[in-house]
Amino acid sequence: MGRAAKLSLESGRATLDESLLGQIDKWRKREDVPMALILVAEDPATALLLPLPDGAILSGVVSERLPSRPPQLPEGIALLAGVDDALLSIGEGELLLLEPERGRLSVEPSAYEIVRLQAKHQPRVLLDEPNFPAYTTEGIAVAVWGEATTLKEAEEAMTAGAEGLLLTGESWDEASLWATQSLVGGGDLALALPFDALDPEEIVRLAARAKLRWCLDPATLSVPVETLREELTELVQALEDENQRSALPRLASLNGSTTGFEDVIALTGDFDAPDPDILPWEQPLLYVRIEAVFDQLIGLEEALERGAAGVIVAAHAIAEVKAKIREWS
């Protein structure tokens, strides 16, 4: 993880932005550790060879081109190559979370993504209380997502501390979907939208940039879920052949049926008991929508007793739901 530093070749050699160099100098004078940078460049070799000023350390490289041969990376340096329009789409100084083993680049990652990374590494970013994930008294993490029918509601949910988003309703278009992906970074984004309203190519592109769940009702699908997955796999392969980022989404069932699905999204509060014929660690993950009515959180206790991986609630109830989860034993 580090701040984006875009390489310029306008002077005939690779240089960093003057304003960024000023920020690094100020950082060096007040911090005990160097500023972690992720260099964004057209060519990975150029970035790897660039000497950095005092007060900065190389954390990773994002490049538009693929390397001509596998580079010898210094220890601790991550490389994600073949990122289309990286120099145009990434802003100078934006916080980047780079996970090459997953093929993911998160721009301004969510608090949940930062915590997940810091579980394995020394913390470098301090989070305020609303954004910290909720754990029960037994240390079990329960994700709290916000439900949004508009981009404004999505923004309100993330501000309130949501760790992911479930999009419902009919107001979403391509631009608002991508804007919402920017809100969650590489975090959880579930789409419970009309099937015909979603372009499969946009689905796999979004899945390369967020942990995407495509929520489907098996009763209304025109093809079996396995056939849909095969078609998505072929689409991902075709885009990868063109060096375009794409990935398979997780397919989530909306009506309780688990056959062929990785997850179950229970929107009505009705959900089945675990299938006794499936091993516990192979059970689909369950996410349950909670209704906040006056001072009641309808369905929360049932979801926690069932062992739900996460709950979904309106933005105004996110803080209360997290508080209840932290008291649960």
C-alpha atoms as a PDB file:
ATOM      1  CA  MET A   1       0.000   0.000   0.000  1.00  0.00           C
ATOM      2  CA  GLY A   2       1.273   3.483  -0.783  1.00  0.00           C
ATOM      3  CA  ARG A   3       0.643   6.834  -2.425  1.00  0.00           C
ATOM      4  CA  ALA A   4       0.461   7.039  -6.212  1.00  0.00           C
ATOM      5  CA  ALA A   5       3.447   8.719  -7.839  1.00  0.00           C
ATOM      6  CA  LYS A   6       3.044   9.117 -11.594  1.00  0.00           C
ATOM      7  CA  LEU A   7       6.170   9.134 -13.736  1.00  0.00           C
ATOM      8  CA  SER A   8       6.494  11.860 -16.349  1.00  0.00           C
ATOM      9  CA  LEU A   9       8.724  11.550 -19.438  1.00  0.00           C
ATOM     10  CA  GLU A  10       8.107  15.071 -20.759  1.00  0.00           C
ATOM     11  CA  SER A  11      11.683  16.172 -20.048  1.00  0.00           C
ATOM     12  CA  GLY A  12      13.131  13.129 -21.797  1.00  0.00           C
ATOM     13  CA  ARG A  13      13.777  11.288 -18.561  1.00  0.00           C
ATOM     14  CA  ALA A  14      11.561   9.843 -15.839  1.00  0.00           C
ATOM     15  CA  THR A  15      10.713  12.384 -13.143  1.00  0.00           C
ATOM     16  CA  LEU A  16       8.257  12.744 -10.276  1.00  0.00           C
ATOM     17  CA  ASP A  17       5.764  15.571  -9.913  1.00  0.00           C
ATOM     18  CA  GLU A  18       7.230  18.657  -8.202  1.00  0.00           C
ATOM     19  CA  SER A  19       4.314  18.929  -5.778  1.00  0.00           C
ATOM     20  CA  LEU A  20       4.830  15.306  -4.714  1.00  0.00           C
ATOM     21  CA  LEU A  21       8.538  15.942  -4.139  1.00  0.00           C
ATOM     22  CA  GLY A  22       7.539  18.797  -1.836  1.00  0.00           C
ATOM     23  CA  GLN A  23       5.180  16.517   0.095  1.00  0.00           C
ATOM     24  CA  ILE A  24       7.941  13.930   0.480  1.00  0.00           C
ATOM     25  CA  ASP A  25      10.309  16.554   1.850  1.00  0.00           C
ATOM     26  CA  LYS A  26       7.737  17.674   4.434  1.00  0.00           C
ATOM     27  CA  TRP A  27       7.025  14.029   5.339  1.00  0.00           C
ATOM     28  CA  ARG A  28      10.738  13.331   5.859  1.00  0.00           C
ATOM     29  CA  LYS A  29      11.021  16.177   8.352  1.00  0.00           C
ATOM     30  CA  ARG A  30       8.099  15.124  10.553  1.00  0.00           C
ATOM     31  CA  GLU A  31       7.867  11.306  10.260  1.00  0.00           C
ATOM     32  CA  ASP A  32      10.176   8.555  11.487  1.00  0.00           C
ATOM     33  CA  VAL A  33       9.342   6.232   8.569  1.00  0.00           C
ATOM     34  CA  PRO A  34       9.653   6.959   4.825  1.00  0.00           C
ATOM     35  CA  MET A  35       6.610   7.674   2.664  1.00  0.00           C
ATOM     36  CA  ALA A  36       5.579   4.528   0.788  1.00  0.00           C
ATOM     37  CA  LEU A  37       5.133   5.182  -2.931  1.00  0.00           C
ATOM     38  CA  ILE A  38       3.586   3.107  -5.681  1.00  0.00           C
ATOM     39  CA  LEU A  39       5.007   4.307  -8.992  1.00  0.00           C
ATOM     40  CA  VAL A  40       2.549   4.546 -11.881  1.00  0.00           C
ATOM     41  CA  ALA A  41       4.259   4.359 -15.258  1.00  0.00           C
ATOM     42  CA  GLU A  42       3.832   3.327 -18.850  1.00  0.00           C
ATOM     43  CA  ASP A  43       6.744   0.885 -18.692  1.00  0.00           C
ATOM     44  CA  PRO A  44       7.569  -1.176 -15.569  1.00  0.00           C
ATOM     45  CA  ALA A  45      11.339  -1.180 -16.189  1.00  0.00           C
ATOM     46  CA  THR A  46      11.453   2.609 -16.105  1.00  0.00           C
ATOM     47  CA  ALA A  47       9.733   2.676 -12.725  1.00  0.00           C
ATOM     48  CA  LEU A  48      11.895  -0.047 -11.178  1.00  0.00           C
ATOM     49  CA  LEU A  49      15.094   1.774 -12.151  1.00  0.00           C
ATOM     50  CA  LEU A  50      14.044   5.201 -10.884  1.00  0.00           C
ATOM     51  CA  PRO A  51      16.026   6.395  -7.825  1.00  0.00           C
ATOM     52  CA  LEU A  52      13.750   7.836  -5.146  1.00  0.00           C
ATOM     53  CA  PRO A  53      14.511  10.896  -3.007  1.00  0.00           C
ATOM     54  CA  ASP A  54      15.297  10.692   0.694  1.00  0.00           C
ATOM     55  CA  GLY A  55      12.130  10.223   2.706  1.00  0.00           C
ATOM     56  CA  ALA A  56      10.458   7.905   0.167  1.00  0.00           C
ATOM     57  CA  ILE A  57      10.493   4.148  -0.260  1.00  0.00           C
ATOM     58  CA  LEU A  58       9.227   2.048  -3.162  1.00  0.00           C
ATOM     59  CA  SER A  59       6.235  -0.113  -2.224  1.00  0.00           C
ATOM     60  CA  GLY A  60       5.121  -1.204  -5.677  1.00  0.00           C
ATOM     61  CA  VAL A  61       4.738  -0.448  -9.371  1.00  0.00           C
ATOM     62  CA  VAL A  62       1.660  -0.175 -11.584  1.00  0.00           C
ATOM     63  CA  SER A  63       2.377  -0.150 -15.311  1.00  0.00           C
ATOM     64  CA  GLU A  64       0.294   0.105 -18.446  1.00  0.00           C
ATOM     65  CA  ARG A  65       2.599  -2.162 -20.431  1.00  0.00           C
ATOM     66  CA  LEU A  66       3.420  -5.775 -19.740  1.00  0.00           C
ATOM     67  CA  PRO A  67       7.138  -6.465 -19.144  1.00  0.00           C
ATOM     68  CA  SER A  68       9.035  -7.992 -22.066  1.00  0.00           C
ATOM     69  CA  ARG A  69      10.355 -10.632 -19.676  1.00  0.00           C
ATOM     70  CA  PRO A  70       9.721 -11.415 -15.989  1.00  0.00           C
ATOM     71  CA  PRO A  71      11.538  -8.702 -14.014  1.00  0.00           C
ATOM     72  CA  GLN A  72      13.770  -9.313 -11.013  1.00  0.00           C
ATOM     73  CA  LEU A  73      11.793  -7.549  -8.301  1.00  0.00           C
ATOM     74  CA  PRO A  74      13.471  -6.318  -5.121  1.00  0.00           C
ATOM     75  CA  GLU A  75      12.189  -8.014  -1.980  1.00  0.00           C
ATOM     76  CA  GLY A  76       8.916  -6.527  -0.795  1.00  0.00           C
ATOM     77  CA  ILE A  77       8.132  -4.776  -4.098  1.00  0.00           C
ATOM     78  CA  ALA A  78       4.872  -5.651  -5.848  1.00  0.00           C
ATOM     79  CA  LEU A  79       4.230  -5.223  -9.575  1.00  0.00           C
ATOM     80  CA  LEU A  80       0.879  -5.098 -11.355  1.00  0.00           C
ATOM     81  CA  ALA A  81       1.360  -4.764 -15.107  1.00  0.00           C
ATOM     82  CA  GLY A  82      -1.036  -4.393 -18.031  1.00  0.00           C
ATOM     83  CA  VAL A  83      -3.350  -1.880 -16.298  1.00  0.00           C
ATOM     84  CA  ASP A  84      -5.139   0.013 -19.069  1.00  0.00           C
ATOM     85  CA  ASP A  85      -5.035   3.832 -18.837  1.00  0.00           C
ATOM     86  CA  ALA A  86      -3.368   3.729 -15.410  1.00  0.00           C
ATOM     87  CA  LEU A  87      -1.742   7.142 -15.882  1.00  0.00           C
ATOM     88  CA  LEU A  88      -5.068   8.702 -16.801  1.00  0.00           C
ATOM     89  CA  SER A  89      -7.316   7.002 -14.260  1.00  0.00           C
ATOM     90  CA  ILE A  90      -5.091   7.201 -11.160  1.00  0.00           C
ATOM     91  CA  GLY A  91      -4.683  10.575  -9.502  1.00  0.00           C
ATOM     92  CA  GLU A  92      -1.398  11.900  -8.160  1.00  0.00           C
ATOM     93  CA  GLY A  93      -1.059  11.074  -4.466  1.00  0.00           C
ATOM     94  CA  GLU A  94      -4.114   8.815  -4.254  1.00  0.00           C
ATOM     95  CA  LEU A  95      -3.843   5.953  -1.780  1.00  0.00           C
ATOM     96  CA  LEU A  96      -3.361   2.643  -3.609  1.00  0.00           C
ATOM     97  CA  LEU A  97      -3.681  -0.896  -2.337  1.00  0.00           C
ATOM     98  CA  LEU A  98      -1.810  -3.264  -4.639  1.00  0.00           C
ATOM     99  CA  GLU A  99      -2.450  -7.019  -4.534  1.00  0.00           C
ATOM    100  CA  PRO A 100      -0.744  -8.616  -7.549  1.00  0.00           C
ATOM    101  CA  GLU A 101      -1.481 -12.152  -6.355  1.00  0.00           C
ATOM    102  CA  ARG A 102      -5.186 -11.326  -6.758  1.00  0.00           C
ATOM    103  CA  GLY A 103      -4.674  -9.084  -9.799  1.00  0.00           C
ATOM    104  CA  ARG A 104      -6.308  -6.220  -7.937  1.00  0.00           C
ATOM    105  CA  LEU A 105      -5.567  -2.529  -7.655  1.00  0.00           C
ATOM    106  CA  SER A 106      -7.763  -0.571  -5.234  1.00  0.00           C
ATOM    107  CA  VAL A 107      -7.755   3.216  -5.513  1.00  0.00           C
ATOM    108  CA  GLU A 108      -8.581   4.898  -2.200  1.00  0.00           C
ATOM    109  CA  PRO A 109      -9.421   1.501  -0.631  1.00  0.00           C
ATOM    110  CA  SER A 110     -12.209   1.106   1.879  1.00  0.00           C
ATOM    111  CA  ALA A 111     -11.501   0.866   5.595  1.00  0.00           C
ATOM    112  CA  TYR A 112     -12.343  -2.835   5.480  1.00  0.00           C
ATOM    113  CA  GLU A 113      -9.717  -3.461   2.792  1.00  0.00           C
ATOM    114  CA  ILE A 114      -7.096  -1.576   4.802  1.00  0.00           C
ATOM    115  CA  VAL A 115      -7.868  -3.560   7.951  1.00  0.00           C
ATOM    116  CA  ARG A 116      -7.698  -6.829   6.007  1.00  0.00           C
ATOM    117  CA  LEU A 117      -4.253  -5.894   4.690  1.00  0.00           C
ATOM    118  CA  GLN A 118      -3.050  -4.722   8.088  1.00  0.00           C
ATOM    119  CA  ALA A 119      -3.999  -8.051   9.626  1.00  0.00           C
ATOM    120  CA  LYS A 120      -0.893  -9.386   7.842  1.00  0.00           C
ATOM    121  CA  HIS A 121       1.350  -6.326   7.960  1.00  0.00           C
ATOM    122  CA  GLN A 122       2.326  -3.599  10.370  1.00  0.00           C
ATOM    123  CA  PRO A 123      -0.497  -1.018  10.527  1.00  0.00           C
ATOM    124  CA  ARG A 124       0.312   2.200   8.668  1.00  0.00           C
ATOM    125  CA  VAL A 125      -3.155   3.779   8.547  1.00  0.00           C
ATOM    126  CA  LEU A 126      -5.213   4.666  11.633  1.00  0.00           C
ATOM    127  CA  LEU A 127      -8.970   4.203  11.309  1.00  0.00           C
ATOM    128  CA  ASP A 128     -11.680   5.990  13.251  1.00  0.00           C
ATOM    129  CA  GLU A 129     -14.303   4.035  15.176  1.00  0.00           C
ATOM    130  CA  PRO A 130     -17.151   4.148  12.597  1.00  0.00           C
ATOM    131  CA  ASN A 131     -14.948   2.572   9.924  1.00  0.00           C
ATOM    132  CA  PHE A 132     -13.551  -0.240  12.029  1.00  0.00           C
ATOM    133  CA  PRO A 133     -15.056  -3.686  11.248  1.00  0.00           C
ATOM    134  CA  ALA A 134     -17.422  -5.287  13.760  1.00  0.00           C
ATOM    135  CA  TYR A 135     -16.359  -8.363  15.718  1.00  0.00           C
ATOM    136  CA  THR A 136     -18.457 -10.341  18.193  1.00  0.00           C
ATOM    137  CA  THR A 137     -17.185 -10.892  21.729  1.00  0.00           C
ATOM    138  CA  GLU A 138     -15.790 -14.219  20.472  1.00  0.00           C
ATOM    139  CA  GLY A 139     -13.715 -12.465  17.814  1.00  0.00           C
ATOM    140  CA  ILE A 140     -15.888 -13.431  14.824  1.00  0.00           C
ATOM    141  CA  ALA A 141     -15.995 -10.775  12.106  1.00  0.00           C
ATOM    142  CA  VAL A 142     -19.432  -9.890  10.733  1.00  0.00           C
ATOM    143  CA  ALA A 143     -19.393  -7.634   7.675  1.00  0.00           C
ATOM    144  CA  VAL A 144     -21.830  -4.726   7.711  1.00  0.00           C
ATOM    145  CA  TRP A 145     -22.908  -3.554   4.268  1.00  0.00           C
ATOM    146  CA  GLY A 146     -25.052  -0.590   3.385  1.00  0.00           C
ATOM    147  CA  GLU A 147     -28.046  -0.887   1.062  1.00  0.00           C
ATOM    148  CA  ALA A 148     -28.310   1.814  -1.570  1.00  0.00           C
ATOM    149  CA  THR A 149     -30.844   2.599  -4.265  1.00  0.00           C
ATOM    150  CA  THR A 150     -28.977   5.732  -5.440  1.00  0.00           C
ATOM    151  CA  LEU A 151     -25.401   6.959  -5.606  1.00  0.00           C
ATOM    152  CA  LYS A 152     -26.169   9.460  -2.827  1.00  0.00           C
ATOM    153  CA  GLU A 153     -27.309   6.641  -0.544  1.00  0.00           C
ATOM    154  CA  ALA A 154     -24.144   4.720  -1.399  1.00  0.00           C
ATOM    155  CA  GLU A 155     -22.024   7.704  -0.378  1.00  0.00           C
ATOM    156  CA  GLU A 156     -23.982   8.057   2.882  1.00  0.00           C
ATOM    157  CA  ALA A 157     -23.502   4.370   3.682  1.00  0.00           C
ATOM    158  CA  MET A 158     -19.740   4.462   3.135  1.00  0.00           C
ATOM    159  CA  THR A 159     -19.464   7.645   5.204  1.00  0.00           C
ATOM    160  CA  ALA A 160     -21.377   5.884   8.000  1.00  0.00           C
ATOM    161  CA  GLY A 161     -18.812   3.070   8.052  1.00  0.00           C
ATOM    162  CA  ALA A 162     -20.203   0.446   5.667  1.00  0.00           C
ATOM    163  CA  GLU A 163     -17.685  -2.220   4.664  1.00  0.00           C
ATOM    164  CA  GLY A 164     -19.475  -2.935   1.401  1.00  0.00           C
ATOM    165  CA  LEU A 165     -22.598  -2.053  -0.569  1.00  0.00           C
ATOM    166  CA  LEU A 166     -25.686  -3.823  -1.876  1.00  0.00           C
ATOM    167  CA  LEU A 167     -27.235  -1.946  -4.787  1.00  0.00           C
ATOM    168  CA  THR A 168     -30.975  -2.333  -5.361  1.00  0.00           C
ATOM    169  CA  GLY A 169     -33.620  -0.474  -7.349  1.00  0.00           C
ATOM    170  CA  GLU A 170     -33.706   0.694 -10.950  1.00  0.00           C
ATOM    171  CA  SER A 171     -31.840   4.016 -10.904  1.00  0.00           C
ATOM    172  CA  TRP A 172     -28.384   2.640 -11.692  1.00  0.00           C
ATOM    173  CA  ASP A 173     -26.595   3.248 -14.975  1.00  0.00           C
ATOM    174  CA  GLU A 174     -23.044   2.504 -16.093  1.00  0.00           C
ATOM    175  CA  ALA A 175     -21.625   5.797 -14.783  1.00  0.00           C
ATOM    176  CA  SER A 176     -23.192   5.441 -11.330  1.00  0.00           C
ATOM    177  CA  LEU A 177     -22.059   1.826 -11.048  1.00  0.00           C
ATOM    178  CA  TRP A 178     -18.450   2.828 -11.693  1.00  0.00           C
ATOM    179  CA  ALA A 179     -18.772   5.743  -9.294  1.00  0.00           C
ATOM    180  CA  THR A 180     -19.959   3.307  -6.639  1.00  0.00           C
ATOM    181  CA  GLN A 181     -17.026   1.003  -7.344  1.00  0.00           C
ATOM    182  CA  SER A 182     -14.747   3.949  -6.662  1.00  0.00           C
ATOM    183  CA  LEU A 183     -16.443   4.360  -3.279  1.00  0.00           C
ATOM    184  CA  VAL A 184     -15.763   0.775  -2.179  1.00  0.00           C
ATOM    185  CA  GLY A 185     -12.347   0.539  -3.841  1.00  0.00           C
ATOM    186  CA  GLY A 186     -11.475  -3.156  -3.918  1.00  0.00           C
ATOM    187  CA  GLY A 187     -14.093  -3.963  -1.280  1.00  0.00           C
ATOM    188  CA  ASP A 188     -17.460  -5.714  -1.425  1.00  0.00           C
ATOM    189  CA  LEU A 189     -20.019  -4.646  -4.014  1.00  0.00           C
ATOM    190  CA  ALA A 190     -23.202  -6.665  -4.571  1.00  0.00           C
ATOM    191  CA  LEU A 191     -25.611  -5.962  -7.439  1.00  0.00           C
ATOM    192  CA  ALA A 192     -29.228  -6.989  -6.878  1.00  0.00           C
ATOM    193  CA  LEU A 193     -30.459  -5.238 -10.007  1.00  0.00           C
ATOM    194  CA  PRO A 194     -32.727  -6.303 -12.878  1.00  0.00           C
ATOM    195  CA  PHE A 195     -30.890  -8.971 -14.878  1.00  0.00           C
ATOM    196  CA  ASP A 196     -31.504  -7.265 -18.225  1.00  0.00           C
ATOM    197  CA  ALA A 197     -30.156  -3.966 -16.893  1.00  0.00           C
ATOM    198  CA  LEU A 198     -26.619  -5.296 -16.542  1.00  0.00           C
ATOM    199  CA  ASP A 199     -24.113  -5.816 -19.340  1.00  0.00           C
ATOM    200  CA  PRO A 200     -22.063  -8.989 -18.687  1.00  0.00           C
ATOM    201  CA  GLU A 201     -18.928  -7.255 -20.006  1.00  0.00           C
ATOM    202  CA  GLU A 202     -19.349  -4.472 -17.454  1.00  0.00           C
ATOM    203  CA  ILE A 203     -19.888  -7.117 -14.769  1.00  0.00           C
ATOM    204  CA  VAL A 204     -16.537  -8.815 -15.395  1.00  0.00           C
ATOM    205  CA  ARG A 205     -14.752  -5.474 -15.681  1.00  0.00           C
ATOM    206  CA  LEU A 206     -16.176  -4.375 -12.338  1.00  0.00           C
ATOM    207  CA  ALA A 207     -15.223  -7.737 -10.834  1.00  0.00           C
ATOM    208  CA  ALA A 208     -11.577  -7.009 -11.627  1.00  0.00           C
ATOM    209  CA  ARG A 209     -11.711  -3.921  -9.441  1.00  0.00           C
ATOM    210  CA  ALA A 210     -13.973  -4.925  -6.550  1.00  0.00           C
ATOM    211  CA  LYS A 211     -15.143  -8.064  -4.772  1.00  0.00           C
ATOM    212  CA  LEU A 212     -18.252  -8.229  -6.905  1.00  0.00           C
ATOM    213  CA  ARG A 213     -21.316 -10.358  -6.288  1.00  0.00           C
ATOM    214  CA  TRP A 214     -23.929 -10.654  -9.002  1.00  0.00           C
ATOM    215  CA  CYS A 215     -27.189 -11.388  -7.184  1.00  0.00           C
ATOM    216  CA  LEU A 216     -29.589 -13.535  -9.164  1.00  0.00           C
ATOM    217  CA  ASP A 217     -32.952 -15.210  -8.677  1.00  0.00           C
ATOM    218  CA  PRO A 218     -32.602 -18.769 -10.052  1.00  0.00           C
ATOM    219  CA  ALA A 219     -36.348 -18.899 -10.704  1.00  0.00           C
ATOM    220  CA  THR A 220     -36.130 -16.090 -13.253  1.00  0.00           C
ATOM    221  CA  LEU A 221     -32.853 -17.030 -14.994  1.00  0.00           C
ATOM    222  CA  SER A 222     -33.255 -17.951 -18.639  1.00  0.00           C
ATOM    223  CA  VAL A 223     -30.212 -20.263 -18.487  1.00  0.00           C
ATOM    224  CA  PRO A 224     -28.836 -22.551 -15.762  1.00  0.00           C
ATOM    225  CA  VAL A 225     -26.421 -20.822 -13.415  1.00  0.00           C
ATOM    226  CA  GLU A 226     -23.550 -23.079 -14.524  1.00  0.00           C
ATOM    227  CA  THR A 227     -24.152 -22.097 -18.145  1.00  0.00           C
ATOM    228  CA  LEU A 228     -24.037 -18.432 -17.134  1.00  0.00           C
ATOM    229  CA  ARG A 229     -20.764 -19.013 -15.297  1.00  0.00           C
ATOM    230  CA  GLU A 230     -19.275 -20.714 -18.374  1.00  0.00           C
ATOM    231  CA  GLU A 231     -20.312 -17.766 -20.554  1.00  0.00           C
ATOM    232  CA  LEU A 232     -18.724 -15.329 -18.112  1.00  0.00           C
ATOM    233  CA  THR A 233     -15.547 -17.410 -18.051  1.00  0.00           C
ATOM    234  CA  GLU A 234     -15.318 -17.259 -21.849  1.00  0.00           C
ATOM    235  CA  LEU A 235     -15.882 -13.494 -21.743  1.00  0.00           C
ATOM    236  CA  VAL A 236     -13.106 -13.031 -19.170  1.00  0.00           C
ATOM    237  CA  GLN A 237     -10.725 -15.086 -21.292  1.00  0.00           C
ATOM    238  CA  ALA A 238     -11.536 -13.052 -24.407  1.00  0.00           C
ATOM    239  CA  LEU A 239     -10.866  -9.771 -22.578  1.00  0.00           C
ATOM    240  CA  GLU A 240      -7.644 -11.094 -21.061  1.00  0.00           C
ATOM    241  CA  ASP A 241      -6.487 -12.067 -24.552  1.00  0.00           C
ATOM    242  CA  GLU A 242      -6.859  -8.367 -25.391  1.00  0.00           C
ATOM    243  CA  ASN A 243      -4.897  -7.410 -22.222  1.00  0.00           C
ATOM    244  CA  GLN A 244      -8.020  -5.955 -20.632  1.00  0.00           C
ATOM    245  CA  ARG A 245      -8.632  -6.386 -16.922  1.00  0.00           C
ATOM    246  CA  SER A 246     -11.559  -8.625 -16.036  1.00  0.00           C
ATOM    247  CA  ALA A 247     -12.482 -11.279 -13.500  1.00  0.00           C
ATOM    248  CA  LEU A 248     -15.318 -13.619 -12.603  1.00  0.00           C
ATOM    249  CA  PRO A 249     -17.860 -12.248 -10.129  1.00  0.00           C
ATOM    250  CA  ARG A 250     -19.193 -14.348  -7.292  1.00  0.00           C
ATOM    251  CA  LEU A 251     -22.728 -15.483  -8.090  1.00  0.00           C
ATOM    252  CA  ALA A 252     -25.196 -15.019  -5.235  1.00  0.00           C
ATOM    253  CA  SER A 253     -28.677 -16.480  -4.956  1.00  0.00           C
ATOM    254  CA  LEU A 254     -31.564 -14.249  -3.956  1.00  0.00           C
ATOM    255  CA  ASN A 255     -34.143 -16.924  -3.169  1.00  0.00           C
ATOM    256  CA  GLY A 256     -32.300 -19.324  -0.874  1.00  0.00           C
ATOM    257  CA  SER A 257     -31.333 -21.856  -3.524  1.00  0.00           C
ATOM    258  CA  THR A 258     -27.633 -22.704  -3.154  1.00  0.00           C
ATOM    259  CA  THR A 259     -27.004 -25.012  -6.101  1.00  0.00           C
ATOM    260  CA  GLY A 260     -24.273 -23.489  -8.248  1.00  0.00           C
ATOM    261  CA  PHE A 261     -23.965 -20.328  -6.125  1.00  0.00           C
ATOM    262  CA  GLU A 262     -21.100 -19.146  -3.920  1.00  0.00           C
ATOM    263  CA  ASP A 263     -23.245 -16.879  -1.728  1.00  0.00           C
ATOM    264  CA  VAL A 264     -26.815 -16.334  -0.576  1.00  0.00           C
ATOM    265  CA  ILE A 265     -28.260 -12.823  -0.177  1.00  0.00           C
ATOM    266  CA  ALA A 266     -31.414 -12.972   1.962  1.00  0.00           C
ATOM    267  CA  LEU A 267     -33.409  -9.814   1.283  1.00  0.00           C
ATOM    268  CA  THR A 268     -36.602 -10.877   3.056  1.00  0.00           C
ATOM    269  CA  GLY A 269     -35.148 -12.307   6.264  1.00  0.00           C
ATOM    270  CA  ASP A 270     -36.057 -15.837   5.201  1.00  0.00           C
ATOM    271  CA  PHE A 271     -33.101 -18.172   4.893  1.00  0.00           C
ATOM    272  CA  ASP A 272     -32.573 -21.893   5.147  1.00  0.00           C
ATOM    273  CA  ALA A 273     -30.574 -23.794   7.731  1.00  0.00           C
ATOM    274  CA  PRO A 274     -27.137 -25.000   6.585  1.00  0.00           C
ATOM    275  CA  ASP A 275     -27.258 -27.947   4.200  1.00  0.00           C
ATOM    276  CA  PRO A 276     -26.214 -31.020   6.253  1.00  0.00           C
ATOM    277  CA  ASP A 277     -24.804 -32.657   3.115  1.00  0.00           C
ATOM    278  CA  ILE A 278     -22.279 -29.823   2.580  1.00  0.00           C
ATOM    279  CA  LEU A 279     -19.163 -29.442   4.719  1.00  0.00           C
ATOM    280  CA  PRO A 280     -19.262 -26.298   6.908  1.00  0.00           C
ATOM    281  CA  TRP A 281     -16.358 -24.609   5.122  1.00  0.00           C
ATOM    282  CA  GLU A 282     -17.979 -25.297   1.741  1.00  0.00           C
ATOM    283  CA  GLN A 283     -21.343 -23.741   2.651  1.00  0.00           C
ATOM    284  CA  PRO A 284     -22.304 -20.650   0.635  1.00  0.00           C
ATOM    285  CA  LEU A 285     -21.714 -17.439   2.556  1.00  0.00           C
ATOM    286  CA  LEU A 286     -24.923 -15.893   3.890  1.00  0.00           C
ATOM    287  CA  TYR A 287     -25.664 -12.151   3.944  1.00  0.00           C
ATOM    288  CA  VAL A 288     -28.956 -11.036   5.518  1.00  0.00           C
ATOM    289  CA  ARG A 289     -30.792  -7.740   5.083  1.00  0.00           C
ATOM    290  CA  ILE A 290     -31.790  -6.231   8.442  1.00  0.00           C
ATOM    291  CA  GLU A 291     -34.800  -3.947   8.776  1.00  0.00           C
ATOM    292  CA  ALA A 292     -34.339  -0.970  11.097  1.00  0.00           C
ATOM    293  CA  VAL A 293     -37.825  -0.029  12.321  1.00  0.00           C
ATOM    294  CA  PHE A 294     -37.939   2.626  15.037  1.00  0.00           C
ATOM    295  CA  ASP A 295     -35.627   1.197  17.733  1.00  0.00           C
ATOM    296  CA  GLN A 296     -35.816  -2.391  16.472  1.00  0.00           C
ATOM    297  CA  LEU A 297     -33.262  -4.190  14.313  1.00  0.00           C
ATOM    298  CA  ILE A 298     -35.499  -6.864  12.882  1.00  0.00           C
ATOM    299  CA  GLY A 299     -33.648 -10.047  11.923  1.00  0.00           C
ATOM    300  CA  LEU A 300     -30.232  -9.212  13.387  1.00  0.00           C
ATOM    301  CA  GLU A 301     -30.279 -11.796  16.190  1.00  0.00           C
ATOM    302  CA  GLU A 302     -31.518 -14.503  13.822  1.00  0.00           C
ATOM    303  CA  ALA A 303     -28.758 -13.689  11.338  1.00  0.00           C
ATOM    304  CA  LEU A 304     -26.060 -13.826  14.020  1.00  0.00           C
ATOM    305  CA  GLU A 305     -27.411 -17.094  15.420  1.00  0.00           C
ATOM    306  CA  ARG A 306     -27.353 -18.569  11.917  1.00  0.00           C
ATOM    307  CA  GLY A 307     -23.697 -17.538  11.551  1.00  0.00           C
ATOM    308  CA  ALA A 308     -24.207 -15.054   8.728  1.00  0.00           C
ATOM    309  CA  ALA A 309     -21.019 -13.742   7.149  1.00  0.00           C
ATOM    310  CA  GLY A 310     -22.561 -10.305   6.948  1.00  0.00           C
ATOM    311  CA  VAL A 311     -25.654  -8.164   7.338  1.00  0.00           C
ATOM    312  CA  ILE A 312     -27.113  -5.440   5.122  1.00  0.00           C
ATOM    313  CA  VAL A 313     -28.783  -2.337   6.518  1.00  0.00           C
ATOM    314  CA  ALA A 314     -29.710   1.236   5.647  1.00  0.00           C
ATOM    315  CA  ALA A 315     -27.013   3.862   6.193  1.00  0.00           C
ATOM    316  CA  HIS A 316     -28.635   5.434   9.266  1.00  0.00           C
ATOM    317  CA  ALA A 317     -28.526   2.121  11.185  1.00  0.00           C
ATOM    318  CA  ILE A 318     -24.956   1.037  10.397  1.00  0.00           C
ATOM    319  CA  ALA A 319     -23.423   2.375  13.623  1.00  0.00           C
ATOM    320  CA  GLU A 320     -26.156   0.777  15.761  1.00  0.00           C
ATOM    321  CA  VAL A 321     -25.804  -2.579  14.012  1.00  0.00           C
ATOM    322  CA  LYS A 322     -22.039  -2.583  14.537  1.00  0.00           C
ATOM    323  CA  ALA A 323     -22.537  -1.790  18.227  1.00  0.00           C
ATOM    324  CA  LYS A 324     -24.976  -4.712  18.618  1.00  0.00           C
ATOM    325  CA  ILE A 325     -22.593  -7.104  16.852  1.00  0.00           C
ATOM    326  CA  ARG A 326     -19.756  -6.104  19.207  1.00  0.00           C
ATOM    327  CA  GLU A 327     -21.961  -7.004  22.175  1.00  0.00           C
ATOM    328  CA  TRP A 328     -23.027 -10.367  20.717  1.00  0.00           C
ATOM    329  CA  SER A 329     -21.751 -13.539  22.350  1.00  0.00           C
END
